[in-house]
Amino acid sequence: MCMACHGPQGVSQVPSIPSLAAQPKTYLENKLVLIREGLRDIPAMKGTLEGVPDTELTALAQYFSAQIAPKASTAKRDLQSFQRGQELAKSALCGTCHLPDHRGRDQVPRLASQHETYLRNVLQEYRDNPGPGRDTVMAAALYGINDAQLKDLAHFFARSP
């Protein structure tokens, strides 16, 4: 059922839906539990995980984390936007938690090669709506970063292998 939206082997074909492939297992487990318990509101997933036992959520997380990461976007690179995003990622210390190659670890998601549209939307959500199920550290990290800068970050991460 997950693959209907998140794509074969967890590589999403829909720009607004994240790829689950190669996301850290612990990150996926935590998000699945938050969604199942209604603490992370994702309208499209409402009820999808209702009643799914922890063992199955763990199996899903294991499966998707073991898949090959999606390839970086091959869409035309705006060199200036890419460079601004790269510099901002560096100055904002994104690599501290997400690792220098932005592949994520433990409870921290993979940003590299995620859809640009999804990244822009989720970064804006974390900045503007730091509600239940959202990482408050990310809300603080994104404080003061404007929409144009979020776009540059998303452009950079989407094109990072």
N, C-alpha and C. Protein backbone atom coordinates (compact mmCIF):
# COMPACT_ATOMS: atom_id res chain seq x y z
N MET A 1 0.82 -1.19 0.00
CA MET A 1 0.00 0.00 0.00
C MET A 1 0.87 1.27 0.00
N CYS A 2 2.00 1.23 0.70
CA CYS A 2 2.89 2.40 0.78
C CYS A 2 3.37 2.83 -0.61
N MET A 3 3.65 1.83 -1.44
CA MET A 3 4.23 2.10 -2.75
C MET A 3 3.27 2.80 -3.70
N ALA A 4 1.99 2.76 -3.41
CA ALA A 4 1.02 3.45 -4.26
C ALA A 4 1.32 4.95 -4.31
N CYS A 5 1.76 5.50 -3.21
CA CYS A 5 2.09 6.93 -3.16
C CYS A 5 3.60 7.18 -3.15
N HIS A 6 4.32 6.37 -2.37
CA HIS A 6 5.75 6.59 -2.18
C HIS A 6 6.61 5.93 -3.24
N GLY A 7 5.99 5.22 -4.19
CA GLY A 7 6.69 4.68 -5.34
C GLY A 7 7.32 3.31 -5.11
N PRO A 8 7.68 2.66 -6.24
CA PRO A 8 8.33 1.35 -6.16
C PRO A 8 9.61 1.43 -5.33
N GLN A 9 9.78 0.51 -4.45
CA GLN A 9 10.91 0.46 -3.53
C GLN A 9 11.07 1.75 -2.73
N GLY A 10 9.99 2.53 -2.64
CA GLY A 10 10.01 3.75 -1.83
C GLY A 10 10.60 4.96 -2.52
N VAL A 11 10.76 4.90 -3.84
CA VAL A 11 11.26 6.05 -4.60
C VAL A 11 10.06 6.74 -5.24
N SER A 12 9.64 7.82 -4.63
CA SER A 12 8.45 8.54 -5.06
C SER A 12 8.61 9.13 -6.46
N GLN A 13 7.52 9.05 -7.22
CA GLN A 13 7.47 9.66 -8.55
C GLN A 13 6.65 10.95 -8.51
N VAL A 14 6.13 11.28 -7.33
CA VAL A 14 5.26 12.44 -7.17
C VAL A 14 6.03 13.53 -6.41
N PRO A 15 6.21 14.71 -7.02
CA PRO A 15 7.04 15.75 -6.42
C PRO A 15 6.67 16.19 -5.01
N SER A 16 5.40 16.06 -4.63
CA SER A 16 4.99 16.50 -3.29
C SER A 16 5.02 15.38 -2.25
N ILE A 17 5.41 14.18 -2.67
CA ILE A 17 5.43 13.02 -1.76
C ILE A 17 6.87 12.57 -1.58
N PRO A 18 7.30 12.39 -0.33
CA PRO A 18 8.70 12.03 -0.09
C PRO A 18 9.03 10.60 -0.50
N SER A 19 10.28 10.43 -0.89
CA SER A 19 10.81 9.08 -1.09
C SER A 19 11.17 8.53 0.29
N LEU A 20 10.85 7.27 0.50
CA LEU A 20 11.18 6.62 1.77
C LEU A 20 12.47 5.79 1.66
N ALA A 21 12.86 5.49 0.44
CA ALA A 21 14.05 4.67 0.21
C ALA A 21 15.28 5.32 0.84
N ALA A 22 16.04 4.50 1.57
CA ALA A 22 17.31 4.89 2.19
C ALA A 22 17.16 5.91 3.32
N GLN A 23 15.94 6.13 3.78
CA GLN A 23 15.79 6.94 4.98
C GLN A 23 16.27 6.10 6.16
N PRO A 24 16.83 6.72 7.20
CA PRO A 24 17.28 5.96 8.35
C PRO A 24 16.12 5.19 9.01
N LYS A 25 16.40 3.98 9.39
CA LYS A 25 15.37 3.10 9.97
C LYS A 25 14.71 3.73 11.20
N THR A 26 15.50 4.26 12.11
CA THR A 26 14.94 4.84 13.33
C THR A 26 14.04 6.04 13.00
N TYR A 27 14.46 6.85 12.05
CA TYR A 27 13.65 7.99 11.62
C TYR A 27 12.29 7.50 11.11
N LEU A 28 12.32 6.49 10.24
CA LEU A 28 11.07 5.96 9.68
C LEU A 28 10.18 5.36 10.76
N GLU A 29 10.76 4.59 11.66
CA GLU A 29 9.97 3.99 12.75
C GLU A 29 9.27 5.08 13.55
N ASN A 30 10.02 6.10 13.93
CA ASN A 30 9.44 7.19 14.73
C ASN A 30 8.32 7.89 13.98
N LYS A 31 8.53 8.22 12.71
CA LYS A 31 7.49 8.91 11.94
C LYS A 31 6.25 8.04 11.77
N LEU A 32 6.45 6.75 11.52
CA LEU A 32 5.30 5.86 11.36
C LEU A 32 4.47 5.79 12.64
N VAL A 33 5.13 5.73 13.78
CA VAL A 33 4.40 5.71 15.05
C VAL A 33 3.68 7.03 15.27
N LEU A 34 4.34 8.15 15.01
CA LEU A 34 3.71 9.46 15.17
C LEU A 34 2.48 9.59 14.28
N ILE A 35 2.57 9.09 13.06
CA ILE A 35 1.43 9.15 12.13
C ILE A 35 0.32 8.23 12.63
N ARG A 36 0.67 7.00 13.01
CA ARG A 36 -0.35 6.05 13.49
C ARG A 36 -1.09 6.60 14.70
N GLU A 37 -0.36 7.23 15.61
CA GLU A 37 -0.96 7.73 16.85
C GLU A 37 -1.65 9.09 16.67
N GLY A 38 -1.61 9.64 15.47
CA GLY A 38 -2.26 10.92 15.21
C GLY A 38 -1.48 12.12 15.70
N LEU A 39 -0.22 11.92 16.06
CA LEU A 39 0.61 13.02 16.56
C LEU A 39 1.29 13.78 15.42
N ARG A 40 1.35 13.17 14.27
CA ARG A 40 1.90 13.82 13.07
C ARG A 40 0.76 13.80 12.06
N ASP A 41 0.21 14.97 11.82
CA ASP A 41 -0.98 15.06 10.97
C ASP A 41 -0.59 15.15 9.50
N ILE A 42 -0.83 14.06 8.80
CA ILE A 42 -0.63 14.01 7.36
C ILE A 42 -1.97 13.54 6.79
N PRO A 43 -2.81 14.50 6.34
CA PRO A 43 -4.16 14.16 5.92
C PRO A 43 -4.25 12.96 4.97
N ALA A 44 -3.35 12.87 4.00
CA ALA A 44 -3.41 11.77 3.04
C ALA A 44 -3.16 10.41 3.68
N MET A 45 -2.56 10.40 4.87
CA MET A 45 -2.26 9.13 5.53
C MET A 45 -3.21 8.82 6.69
N LYS A 46 -4.14 9.73 6.92
CA LYS A 46 -5.07 9.54 8.03
C LYS A 46 -5.76 8.18 7.95
N GLY A 47 -5.61 7.41 8.99
CA GLY A 47 -6.24 6.10 9.08
C GLY A 47 -5.47 4.98 8.42
N THR A 48 -4.50 5.30 7.57
CA THR A 48 -3.76 4.28 6.84
C THR A 48 -3.03 3.33 7.77
N LEU A 49 -2.49 3.85 8.86
CA LEU A 49 -1.70 3.03 9.78
C LEU A 49 -2.47 2.63 11.04
N GLU A 50 -3.74 2.98 11.07
CA GLU A 50 -4.57 2.66 12.24
C GLU A 50 -4.55 1.15 12.51
N GLY A 51 -4.19 0.80 13.72
CA GLY A 51 -4.18 -0.60 14.13
C GLY A 51 -2.98 -1.41 13.67
N VAL A 52 -2.07 -0.79 12.93
CA VAL A 52 -0.89 -1.52 12.48
C VAL A 52 0.04 -1.71 13.69
N PRO A 53 0.40 -2.95 14.02
CA PRO A 53 1.24 -3.18 15.20
C PRO A 53 2.68 -2.69 15.00
N ASP A 54 3.34 -2.43 16.11
CA ASP A 54 4.73 -1.96 16.08
C ASP A 54 5.62 -2.87 15.25
N THR A 55 5.41 -4.17 15.34
CA THR A 55 6.28 -5.10 14.60
C THR A 55 6.19 -4.86 13.09
N GLU A 56 5.00 -4.54 12.60
CA GLU A 56 4.84 -4.26 11.17
C GLU A 56 5.44 -2.91 10.79
N LEU A 57 5.32 -1.92 11.69
CA LEU A 57 5.94 -0.62 11.43
C LEU A 57 7.46 -0.78 11.37
N THR A 58 8.00 -1.59 12.26
CA THR A 58 9.44 -1.85 12.26
C THR A 58 9.86 -2.55 10.98
N ALA A 59 9.06 -3.50 10.52
CA ALA A 59 9.37 -4.21 9.27
C ALA A 59 9.32 -3.25 8.08
N LEU A 60 8.34 -2.35 8.05
CA LEU A 60 8.27 -1.35 6.98
C LEU A 60 9.50 -0.45 7.00
N ALA A 61 9.86 0.01 8.19
CA ALA A 61 11.03 0.88 8.32
C ALA A 61 12.30 0.16 7.87
N GLN A 62 12.42 -1.10 8.24
CA GLN A 62 13.59 -1.89 7.84
C GLN A 62 13.63 -2.03 6.32
N TYR A 63 12.51 -2.35 5.72
CA TYR A 63 12.44 -2.52 4.27
C TYR A 63 12.85 -1.25 3.54
N PHE A 64 12.20 -0.12 3.87
CA PHE A 64 12.48 1.11 3.14
C PHE A 64 13.89 1.63 3.41
N SER A 65 14.38 1.48 4.62
CA SER A 65 15.74 1.96 4.92
C SER A 65 16.79 1.17 4.15
N ALA A 66 16.48 -0.07 3.80
CA ALA A 66 17.44 -0.93 3.08
C ALA A 66 17.42 -0.71 1.56
N GLN A 67 16.48 0.08 1.07
CA GLN A 67 16.38 0.31 -0.37
C GLN A 67 17.44 1.31 -0.84
N ILE A 68 17.72 1.29 -2.11
CA ILE A 68 18.70 2.21 -2.70
C ILE A 68 18.09 3.60 -2.75
N ALA A 69 18.89 4.58 -2.35
CA ALA A 69 18.43 5.97 -2.35
C ALA A 69 18.06 6.41 -3.76
N PRO A 70 17.10 7.30 -3.85
CA PRO A 70 16.76 7.83 -5.18
C PRO A 70 17.95 8.60 -5.75
N LYS A 71 17.99 8.69 -7.05
CA LYS A 71 19.05 9.48 -7.69
C LYS A 71 18.74 10.96 -7.51
N ALA A 72 19.80 11.75 -7.45
CA ALA A 72 19.63 13.20 -7.36
C ALA A 72 18.85 13.69 -8.57
N SER A 73 18.13 14.76 -8.40
CA SER A 73 17.33 15.32 -9.49
C SER A 73 18.21 15.62 -10.70
N THR A 74 17.70 15.26 -11.85
CA THR A 74 18.39 15.57 -13.10
C THR A 74 17.77 16.79 -13.79
N ALA A 75 16.80 17.40 -13.10
CA ALA A 75 16.20 18.62 -13.64
C ALA A 75 17.29 19.69 -13.74
N LYS A 76 17.10 20.60 -14.65
CA LYS A 76 18.09 21.64 -14.89
C LYS A 76 18.49 22.32 -13.58
N ARG A 77 19.77 22.43 -13.39
CA ARG A 77 20.32 23.06 -12.19
C ARG A 77 20.46 24.55 -12.44
N ASP A 78 19.88 25.33 -11.52
CA ASP A 78 20.10 26.77 -11.51
C ASP A 78 21.36 26.97 -10.69
N LEU A 79 22.47 27.24 -11.33
CA LEU A 79 23.76 27.27 -10.66
C LEU A 79 23.78 28.25 -9.49
N GLN A 80 23.19 29.42 -9.66
CA GLN A 80 23.19 30.41 -8.58
C GLN A 80 22.36 29.92 -7.39
N SER A 81 21.18 29.38 -7.66
CA SER A 81 20.33 28.86 -6.59
C SER A 81 21.03 27.70 -5.88
N PHE A 82 21.63 26.80 -6.65
CA PHE A 82 22.35 25.66 -6.08
C PHE A 82 23.47 26.15 -5.17
N GLN A 83 24.25 27.10 -5.62
CA GLN A 83 25.37 27.61 -4.82
C GLN A 83 24.88 28.33 -3.56
N ARG A 84 23.81 29.11 -3.70
CA ARG A 84 23.26 29.79 -2.51
C ARG A 84 22.76 28.75 -1.50
N GLY A 85 22.06 27.71 -2.00
CA GLY A 85 21.58 26.65 -1.12
C GLY A 85 22.72 25.91 -0.45
N GLN A 86 23.77 25.64 -1.21
CA GLN A 86 24.94 24.95 -0.67
C GLN A 86 25.59 25.78 0.43
N GLU A 87 25.74 27.06 0.20
CA GLU A 87 26.34 27.95 1.20
C GLU A 87 25.44 28.07 2.44
N LEU A 88 24.16 28.17 2.22
CA LEU A 88 23.23 28.28 3.34
C LEU A 88 23.23 26.98 4.16
N ALA A 89 23.25 25.84 3.49
CA ALA A 89 23.31 24.56 4.21
C ALA A 89 24.56 24.48 5.06
N LYS A 90 25.63 25.03 4.51
CA LYS A 90 26.91 25.02 5.24
C LYS A 90 26.84 25.97 6.44
N SER A 91 26.38 27.21 6.22
CA SER A 91 26.34 28.19 7.31
C SER A 91 25.29 27.84 8.37
N ALA A 92 24.22 27.18 7.96
CA ALA A 92 23.18 26.77 8.91
C ALA A 92 23.54 25.46 9.61
N LEU A 93 24.67 24.89 9.23
CA LEU A 93 25.19 23.66 9.85
C LEU A 93 24.27 22.46 9.66
N CYS A 94 23.61 22.39 8.50
CA CYS A 94 22.71 21.26 8.23
C CYS A 94 23.44 19.92 8.32
N GLY A 95 24.71 19.91 7.92
CA GLY A 95 25.49 18.68 7.95
C GLY A 95 25.81 18.17 9.33
N THR A 96 25.62 18.99 10.35
CA THR A 96 25.88 18.55 11.72
C THR A 96 24.93 17.42 12.12
N CYS A 97 23.68 17.59 11.83
CA CYS A 97 22.69 16.56 12.17
C CYS A 97 22.41 15.61 11.01
N HIS A 98 22.31 16.17 9.80
CA HIS A 98 21.94 15.36 8.63
C HIS A 98 23.15 14.70 7.98
N LEU A 99 24.33 14.90 8.53
CA LEU A 99 25.64 14.44 8.05
C LEU A 99 26.09 15.30 6.87
N PRO A 100 27.40 15.39 6.66
CA PRO A 100 27.92 16.28 5.60
C PRO A 100 27.36 16.00 4.20
N ASP A 101 27.02 14.74 3.91
CA ASP A 101 26.45 14.44 2.59
C ASP A 101 24.92 14.44 2.62
N HIS A 102 24.35 14.83 3.75
CA HIS A 102 22.91 14.99 3.94
C HIS A 102 22.11 13.72 3.74
N ARG A 103 22.73 12.57 4.04
CA ARG A 103 22.03 11.29 3.90
C ARG A 103 21.22 10.93 5.16
N GLY A 104 21.36 11.70 6.22
CA GLY A 104 20.62 11.47 7.45
C GLY A 104 21.22 10.34 8.26
N ARG A 105 20.72 10.22 9.49
CA ARG A 105 21.18 9.16 10.39
C ARG A 105 20.23 9.09 11.58
N ASP A 106 20.14 7.92 12.14
CA ASP A 106 19.32 7.70 13.33
C ASP A 106 17.93 8.33 13.18
N GLN A 107 17.65 9.37 13.97
CA GLN A 107 16.33 10.01 13.94
C GLN A 107 16.29 11.23 13.02
N VAL A 108 17.32 11.39 12.22
CA VAL A 108 17.44 12.56 11.35
C VAL A 108 17.27 12.11 9.90
N PRO A 109 16.35 12.72 9.15
CA PRO A 109 16.04 12.24 7.80
C PRO A 109 17.10 12.57 6.75
N ARG A 110 17.05 11.79 5.71
CA ARG A 110 17.84 12.03 4.50
C ARG A 110 17.23 13.22 3.77
N LEU A 111 18.05 14.19 3.39
CA LEU A 111 17.61 15.33 2.59
C LEU A 111 18.10 15.18 1.15
N ALA A 112 19.26 14.59 1.00
CA ALA A 112 19.87 14.44 -0.32
C ALA A 112 18.96 13.64 -1.25
N SER A 113 18.80 14.15 -2.43
CA SER A 113 18.05 13.53 -3.53
C SER A 113 16.54 13.37 -3.28
N GLN A 114 16.04 14.12 -2.33
CA GLN A 114 14.59 14.14 -2.08
C GLN A 114 13.98 15.11 -3.11
N HIS A 115 12.69 15.00 -3.39
CA HIS A 115 12.04 15.91 -4.33
C HIS A 115 12.14 17.36 -3.86
N GLU A 116 12.45 18.24 -4.79
CA GLU A 116 12.58 19.66 -4.47
C GLU A 116 11.28 20.25 -3.94
N THR A 117 10.16 19.93 -4.57
CA THR A 117 8.86 20.44 -4.12
C THR A 117 8.57 19.98 -2.70
N TYR A 118 8.76 18.70 -2.44
CA TYR A 118 8.54 18.17 -1.10
C TYR A 118 9.43 18.88 -0.09
N LEU A 119 10.71 19.01 -0.40
CA LEU A 119 11.65 19.65 0.52
C LEU A 119 11.23 21.09 0.83
N ARG A 120 10.90 21.83 -0.19
CA ARG A 120 10.49 23.23 0.02
C ARG A 120 9.26 23.29 0.93
N ASN A 121 8.29 22.43 0.65
CA ASN A 121 7.06 22.42 1.45
C ASN A 121 7.33 22.03 2.90
N VAL A 122 8.13 20.99 3.11
CA VAL A 122 8.35 20.52 4.47
C VAL A 122 9.23 21.49 5.26
N LEU A 123 10.19 22.12 4.60
CA LEU A 123 11.01 23.12 5.29
C LEU A 123 10.15 24.30 5.73
N GLN A 124 9.25 24.72 4.86
CA GLN A 124 8.35 25.81 5.21
C GLN A 124 7.41 25.40 6.35
N GLU A 125 6.95 24.17 6.31
CA GLU A 125 6.06 23.66 7.37
C GLU A 125 6.78 23.67 8.72
N TYR A 126 8.01 23.18 8.73
CA TYR A 126 8.78 23.18 9.99
C TYR A 126 9.02 24.59 10.49
N ARG A 127 9.30 25.51 9.58
CA ARG A 127 9.57 26.89 9.99
C ARG A 127 8.30 27.59 10.49
N ASP A 128 7.20 27.40 9.77
CA ASP A 128 5.99 28.19 10.05
C ASP A 128 4.98 27.52 10.97
N ASN A 129 4.99 26.21 11.06
CA ASN A 129 3.99 25.49 11.86
C ASN A 129 4.64 24.44 12.75
N PRO A 130 5.47 24.86 13.69
CA PRO A 130 6.16 23.88 14.54
C PRO A 130 5.21 23.26 15.56
N GLY A 131 4.29 22.44 15.05
CA GLY A 131 3.28 21.82 15.90
C GLY A 131 3.64 20.41 16.30
N PRO A 132 2.67 19.69 16.83
CA PRO A 132 2.90 18.30 17.28
C PRO A 132 3.48 17.42 16.18
N GLY A 133 4.43 16.60 16.57
CA GLY A 133 5.03 15.67 15.63
C GLY A 133 6.10 16.30 14.75
N ARG A 134 6.39 17.57 14.97
CA ARG A 134 7.43 18.24 14.19
C ARG A 134 8.61 18.54 15.11
N ASP A 135 9.78 18.43 14.58
CA ASP A 135 11.00 18.62 15.33
C ASP A 135 11.20 20.11 15.66
N THR A 136 11.16 20.45 16.94
CA THR A 136 11.33 21.84 17.35
C THR A 136 12.74 22.36 17.07
N VAL A 137 13.72 21.46 17.02
CA VAL A 137 15.08 21.87 16.67
C VAL A 137 15.09 22.43 15.25
N MET A 138 14.34 21.79 14.36
CA MET A 138 14.28 22.27 12.98
C MET A 138 13.57 23.63 12.90
N ALA A 139 12.55 23.82 13.69
CA ALA A 139 11.87 25.11 13.69
C ALA A 139 12.86 26.20 14.09
N ALA A 140 13.67 25.93 15.09
CA ALA A 140 14.67 26.89 15.54
C ALA A 140 15.75 27.09 14.48
N ALA A 141 16.18 26.00 13.85
CA ALA A 141 17.24 26.07 12.83
C ALA A 141 16.79 26.88 11.62
N LEU A 142 15.50 26.88 11.32
CA LEU A 142 14.99 27.57 10.15
C LEU A 142 14.51 28.99 10.46
N TYR A 143 14.56 29.37 11.72
CA TYR A 143 14.13 30.71 12.13
C TYR A 143 14.96 31.76 11.37
N GLY A 144 14.28 32.70 10.75
CA GLY A 144 14.95 33.78 10.04
C GLY A 144 15.32 33.46 8.61
N ILE A 145 15.08 32.25 8.17
CA ILE A 145 15.35 31.88 6.79
C ILE A 145 14.09 32.16 5.97
N ASN A 146 14.23 32.99 4.95
CA ASN A 146 13.06 33.41 4.18
C ASN A 146 12.69 32.39 3.11
N ASP A 147 11.57 32.62 2.44
CA ASP A 147 11.06 31.68 1.43
C ASP A 147 12.05 31.47 0.28
N ALA A 148 12.70 32.53 -0.17
CA ALA A 148 13.67 32.40 -1.27
C ALA A 148 14.84 31.52 -0.84
N GLN A 149 15.26 31.65 0.40
CA GLN A 149 16.35 30.82 0.90
C GLN A 149 15.92 29.36 1.05
N LEU A 150 14.67 29.15 1.48
CA LEU A 150 14.16 27.77 1.55
C LEU A 150 14.15 27.14 0.16
N LYS A 151 13.78 27.93 -0.83
CA LYS A 151 13.77 27.43 -2.21
C LYS A 151 15.18 27.04 -2.63
N ASP A 152 16.18 27.85 -2.29
CA ASP A 152 17.57 27.54 -2.62
C ASP A 152 18.04 26.28 -1.90
N LEU A 153 17.68 26.13 -0.64
CA LEU A 153 18.05 24.91 0.10
C LEU A 153 17.44 23.69 -0.56
N ALA A 154 16.17 23.76 -0.90
CA ALA A 154 15.49 22.63 -1.53
C ALA A 154 16.13 22.31 -2.88
N HIS A 155 16.48 23.33 -3.63
CA HIS A 155 17.13 23.14 -4.93
C HIS A 155 18.46 22.41 -4.75
N PHE A 156 19.22 22.82 -3.77
CA PHE A 156 20.53 22.20 -3.49
C PHE A 156 20.37 20.75 -3.04
N PHE A 157 19.53 20.50 -2.03
CA PHE A 157 19.39 19.15 -1.50
C PHE A 157 18.86 18.17 -2.56
N ALA A 158 17.91 18.62 -3.37
CA ALA A 158 17.33 17.75 -4.40
C ALA A 158 18.37 17.30 -5.43
N ARG A 159 19.39 18.11 -5.61
CA ARG A 159 20.40 17.81 -6.61
C ARG A 159 21.70 17.27 -6.00
N SER A 160 21.65 16.94 -4.72
CA SER A 160 22.80 16.37 -4.03
C SER A 160 22.65 14.85 -4.02
N PRO A 161 23.70 14.15 -4.40
CA PRO A 161 23.61 12.67 -4.46
C PRO A 161 23.50 12.03 -3.08
